[in-house]
Amino acid sequence: MSRIPQSLQQTVWADQDTTFQEITADSEVDTPDISVERELMRRHIRNLLNVLNSKERQIIRLRFGIEDGKEKTLLEIGNMFGLSKERVRQLESRALYKLKRCCNSQGLGAYTNLLI
């Protein structure tokens, strides 16, 4: 059976001006509850980063693109700090270990459904 395509601008009901476009959900936009959860998670993570010293905190922010959404390589971070990429990797590893120890005690398990 063949289907005839419908325009999103076509009205849904004959007696109203509502179009298919107006009632179709946009999958790119988070629902309000998910949006609020994501913002709470971001704040929680920023607060959690306070367990790190300033250099570790900056390395994690740069490495995972927390500030600008652009992840940096170990070499790029090393050039910024005047360190070898191996030293940056060591600092990153130590920082991640500290964060992992704190995660369960800080209640970040509540956000696992958002980390997909």
Protein backbone atom coordinates (compact mmCIF):
# COMPACT_ATOMS: atom_id res chain seq x y z
CA MET A 1 0.00 0.00 0.00
CA SER A 2 1.49 3.34 -0.94
CA ARG A 3 1.26 6.41 1.24
CA ILE A 4 0.70 9.95 0.11
CA PRO A 5 3.10 12.42 1.79
CA GLN A 6 1.51 15.08 3.96
CA SER A 7 2.80 18.61 4.34
CA LEU A 8 3.71 19.76 7.84
CA GLN A 9 1.96 23.03 6.98
CA GLN A 10 -1.33 21.24 6.37
CA THR A 11 -4.00 21.77 9.01
CA VAL A 12 -4.72 18.84 11.30
CA TRP A 13 -8.42 19.52 11.77
CA ALA A 14 -10.71 21.14 9.23
CA ASP A 15 -12.27 23.50 11.77
CA GLN A 16 -8.97 24.76 13.30
CA ASP A 17 -5.76 26.39 12.04
CA THR A 18 -3.43 24.01 13.92
CA THR A 19 -0.80 22.50 11.62
CA PHE A 20 1.08 19.21 11.88
CA GLN A 21 4.27 21.20 12.46
CA GLU A 22 2.79 22.78 15.60
CA ILE A 23 1.91 19.46 17.21
CA THR A 24 5.01 17.51 16.16
CA ALA A 25 7.64 17.28 18.91
CA ASP A 26 11.14 18.53 18.15
CA SER A 27 13.49 15.71 19.13
CA GLU A 28 16.44 18.15 19.25
CA VAL A 29 14.93 20.14 22.13
CA ASP A 30 15.04 18.73 25.66
CA THR A 31 11.86 18.52 27.65
CA PRO A 32 11.74 21.00 30.56
CA ASP A 33 12.42 18.33 33.20
CA ILE A 34 15.47 17.01 31.33
CA SER A 35 16.71 20.56 30.78
CA VAL A 36 16.48 21.31 34.50
CA GLU A 37 18.22 18.03 35.39
CA ARG A 38 21.08 18.80 32.99
CA GLU A 39 21.56 22.26 34.47
CA LEU A 40 21.57 20.84 38.01
CA MET A 41 24.12 18.23 36.92
CA ARG A 42 26.35 20.93 35.40
CA ARG A 43 26.25 22.93 38.63
CA HIS A 44 26.90 19.83 40.70
CA ILE A 45 29.92 18.92 38.56
CA ARG A 46 31.32 22.46 38.73
CA ASN A 47 31.06 22.30 42.51
CA LEU A 48 32.64 18.85 42.53
CA LEU A 49 35.64 20.22 40.62
CA ASN A 50 36.42 22.29 43.71
CA VAL A 51 37.96 19.19 45.33
CA LEU A 52 40.81 19.54 42.83
CA ASN A 53 43.70 21.96 43.04
CA SER A 54 43.66 24.80 40.52
CA LYS A 55 45.99 23.16 37.98
CA GLU A 56 44.09 19.85 38.06
CA ARG A 57 40.79 21.69 37.76
CA GLN A 58 41.99 23.66 34.74
CA ILE A 59 43.37 20.52 33.06
CA ILE A 60 40.04 18.71 33.49
CA ARG A 61 38.10 21.71 32.18
CA LEU A 62 40.33 21.95 29.12
CA ARG A 63 40.58 18.21 28.48
CA PHE A 64 36.80 17.68 28.51
CA GLY A 65 35.77 21.04 27.05
CA ILE A 66 33.76 22.03 30.11
CA GLU A 67 34.11 25.76 29.50
CA ASP A 68 33.88 26.10 25.73
CA GLY A 69 32.78 22.68 24.48
CA LYS A 70 36.12 22.10 22.73
CA GLU A 71 38.17 19.21 24.07
CA LYS A 72 41.93 19.79 24.12
CA THR A 73 44.62 17.17 23.60
CA LEU A 74 47.29 16.40 26.19
CA LEU A 75 49.85 18.09 23.94
CA GLU A 76 47.77 21.27 23.60
CA ILE A 77 47.29 21.48 27.37
CA GLY A 78 50.97 20.75 27.93
CA ASN A 79 51.91 23.64 25.64
CA MET A 80 49.61 25.97 27.59
CA PHE A 81 51.17 25.04 30.93
CA GLY A 82 54.72 24.44 29.74
CA LEU A 83 54.49 20.74 30.67
CA SER A 84 55.10 17.52 28.79
CA LYS A 85 52.03 15.66 27.60
CA GLU A 86 53.04 12.79 29.92
CA ARG A 87 52.97 15.12 32.93
CA VAL A 88 49.55 16.43 31.86
CA ARG A 89 48.35 12.82 31.55
CA GLN A 90 49.60 12.10 35.07
CA LEU A 91 47.85 15.17 36.47
CA GLU A 92 44.66 14.27 34.60
CA SER A 93 44.81 10.72 35.92
CA ARG A 94 45.27 11.94 39.50
CA ALA A 95 42.40 14.41 39.12
CA LEU A 96 40.07 11.76 37.70
CA TYR A 97 40.96 9.45 40.58
CA LYS A 98 40.06 12.17 43.09
CA LEU A 99 36.78 12.86 41.27
CA LYS A 100 35.91 9.18 41.12
CA ARG A 101 36.39 8.87 44.88
CA CYS A 102 34.03 11.80 45.45
CA CYS A 103 31.33 10.85 42.90
CA ASN A 104 29.41 8.37 45.02
CA SER A 105 29.56 10.50 48.13
CA GLN A 106 28.37 13.55 46.16
CA GLY A 107 25.27 11.82 44.75
CA LEU A 108 26.11 12.04 41.06
CA GLY A 109 24.53 8.63 40.48
CA ALA A 110 21.21 10.46 40.14
CA TYR A 111 22.36 11.81 36.76
CA THR A 112 23.27 8.52 35.09
CA ASN A 113 20.23 8.69 32.78
CA LEU A 114 21.57 11.99 31.36
CA LEU A 115 25.02 10.68 30.51
CA ILE A 116 24.11 8.93 27.28
